[in-house]
Amino acid sequence: PSADEEQNLLIEQLMAQTKKADQKTKDVELQVEQIDAKVEKLKSESKLKKLKEDLEMYADQKMLKSEEALNTRIDLLKVDDIRQALNLNSKSINKHDEKIAEMVAMLEELSKDD
C-alpha cells in the first residue's frame, strides 16, 4: 500500500479509537450521574428519616407533657374533693357542737329549775 493509503488507514483507526473513547467517556459520565442521583436520593432519605425521628420524639415529648398536665389536673381535683369533704365534715362537726351546746344549755336550765 502506498504512503497515502497507510496514512488514511492510520487516520481511520485513530478515528475509530477516538469514537470508542468518546463512547466510553459518555458511558462513564452517565454512570457518574447515576451514582450522584443515588447519593442524593440516599441523602434525602436520610434527611427524611431524621425528620421523622425528630417528629416522633417531639410527639412523644408532647404526649408526656400533656399526660403530666392531665395527672396534675387529676391530682388537683382530688385535692379539691378532699378539701370539700373536710369542709362538709367540719360543718357537720360544727352542727354537732351546736347541738351538744344546746343540750348542755337545756340540762343547765333543767338543773337550775330543780
Protein backbone atom coordinates (compact mmCIF):
# COMPACT_ATOMS: atom_id res chain seq x y z
CA PRO A 1 0.00 0.00 0.00
CA SER A 2 1.15 3.50 -0.72
CA ALA A 3 2.10 6.01 1.96
CA ASP A 4 -1.17 7.86 1.45
CA GLU A 5 -3.20 4.68 1.86
CA GLU A 6 -1.26 3.79 5.01
CA GLN A 7 -1.79 7.28 6.39
CA ASN A 8 -5.53 7.08 5.58
CA LEU A 9 -5.72 3.67 7.30
CA LEU A 10 -3.98 5.07 10.40
CA ILE A 11 -6.34 8.07 10.41
CA GLU A 12 -9.36 5.74 10.15
CA GLN A 13 -8.04 3.61 13.05
CA LEU A 14 -7.40 6.71 15.15
CA MET A 15 -10.90 8.00 14.35
CA ALA A 16 -12.41 4.63 15.37
CA GLN A 17 -10.38 4.63 18.60
CA THR A 18 -11.42 8.23 19.29
CA LYS A 19 -15.06 7.29 18.68
CA LYS A 20 -14.72 4.34 21.12
CA ALA A 21 -13.03 6.58 23.70
CA ASP A 22 -15.78 9.19 23.30
CA GLN A 23 -18.44 6.49 23.84
CA LYS A 24 -16.60 5.19 26.93
CA THR A 25 -16.39 8.77 28.27
CA LYS A 26 -20.15 9.19 27.73
CA ASP A 27 -20.81 5.84 29.48
CA VAL A 28 -18.66 6.82 32.46
CA GLU A 29 -20.34 10.26 32.65
CA LEU A 30 -23.74 8.54 32.66
CA GLN A 31 -22.59 6.20 35.45
CA VAL A 32 -21.32 9.17 37.46
CA GLU A 33 -24.70 10.90 37.00
CA GLN A 34 -26.50 7.74 38.18
CA ILE A 35 -24.23 7.46 41.21
CA ASP A 36 -24.79 11.16 42.01
CA ALA A 37 -28.55 10.62 41.76
CA LYS A 38 -28.33 7.62 44.11
CA VAL A 39 -26.25 9.64 46.58
CA GLU A 40 -28.79 12.49 46.51
CA LYS A 41 -31.63 10.01 46.99
CA LEU A 42 -29.85 8.44 49.96
CA LYS A 43 -29.16 11.90 51.43
CA SER A 44 -32.81 12.91 51.13
CA GLU A 45 -33.96 9.54 52.53
CA SER A 46 -31.57 10.06 55.44
CA LYS A 47 -32.91 13.60 55.98
CA LEU A 48 -36.49 12.30 55.86
CA LYS A 49 -35.66 9.53 58.32
CA LYS A 50 -34.03 12.05 60.68
CA LEU A 51 -37.01 14.39 60.32
CA LYS A 52 -39.41 11.51 61.03
CA GLU A 53 -37.40 10.54 64.14
CA ASP A 54 -37.39 14.18 65.31
CA LEU A 55 -41.15 14.43 64.79
CA GLU A 56 -41.75 11.18 66.68
CA MET A 57 -39.56 12.38 69.56
CA TYR A 58 -41.41 15.74 69.61
CA ALA A 59 -44.78 13.95 69.62
CA ASP A 60 -43.62 11.68 72.45
CA GLN A 61 -42.50 14.71 74.49
CA LYS A 62 -45.80 16.50 73.82
CA MET A 63 -47.72 13.40 74.87
CA LEU A 64 -45.67 13.12 78.06
CA LYS A 65 -46.24 16.79 78.83
CA SER A 66 -49.99 16.53 78.26
CA GLU A 67 -50.07 13.32 80.33
CA GLU A 68 -48.23 15.17 83.14
CA ALA A 69 -50.66 18.09 82.85
CA LEU A 70 -53.60 15.68 82.98
CA ASN A 71 -52.16 13.94 86.04
CA THR A 72 -51.64 17.33 87.69
CA ARG A 73 -55.27 18.26 86.95
CA ILE A 74 -56.45 14.93 88.36
CA ASP A 75 -54.32 15.50 91.48
CA LEU A 76 -55.78 18.99 91.87
CA LEU A 77 -59.31 17.63 91.52
CA LYS A 78 -58.54 15.01 94.18
CA VAL A 79 -57.19 17.73 96.48
CA ASP A 80 -60.36 19.75 95.80
CA ASP A 81 -62.56 16.73 96.60
CA ILE A 82 -60.67 16.13 99.85
CA ARG A 83 -60.98 19.84 100.75
CA GLN A 84 -64.74 19.75 100.11
CA ALA A 85 -65.11 16.56 102.16
CA LEU A 86 -63.18 18.17 105.02
CA ASN A 87 -65.42 21.24 104.76
CA LEU A 88 -68.53 19.07 104.97
CA ASN A 89 -67.07 17.19 107.94
CA SER A 90 -66.22 20.41 109.76
CA LYS A 91 -69.73 21.79 109.07
CA SER A 92 -71.19 18.54 110.39
CA ILE A 93 -68.90 18.72 113.46
CA ASN A 94 -69.97 22.35 113.99
CA LYS A 95 -73.64 21.28 113.86
CA HIS A 96 -72.95 18.51 116.38
CA ASP A 97 -71.11 21.01 118.60
CA GLU A 98 -74.08 23.36 118.36
CA LYS A 99 -76.50 20.54 119.30
CA ILE A 100 -74.27 19.48 122.19
CA ALA A 101 -74.11 23.11 123.34
CA GLU A 102 -77.92 23.31 123.13
CA MET A 103 -78.28 20.08 125.11
CA VAL A 104 -75.81 21.30 127.72
CA ALA A 105 -77.79 24.55 127.96
CA MET A 106 -81.04 22.61 128.33
CA LEU A 107 -79.50 20.42 131.04
CA GLU A 108 -78.26 23.52 132.83
CA GLU A 109 -81.75 25.04 132.60
CA LEU A 110 -83.26 21.81 133.95
CA SER A 111 -80.76 21.65 136.81
CA LYS A 112 -81.48 25.29 137.67
CA ASP A 113 -85.19 24.53 137.89
CA ASP A 114 -84.54 21.80 140.48
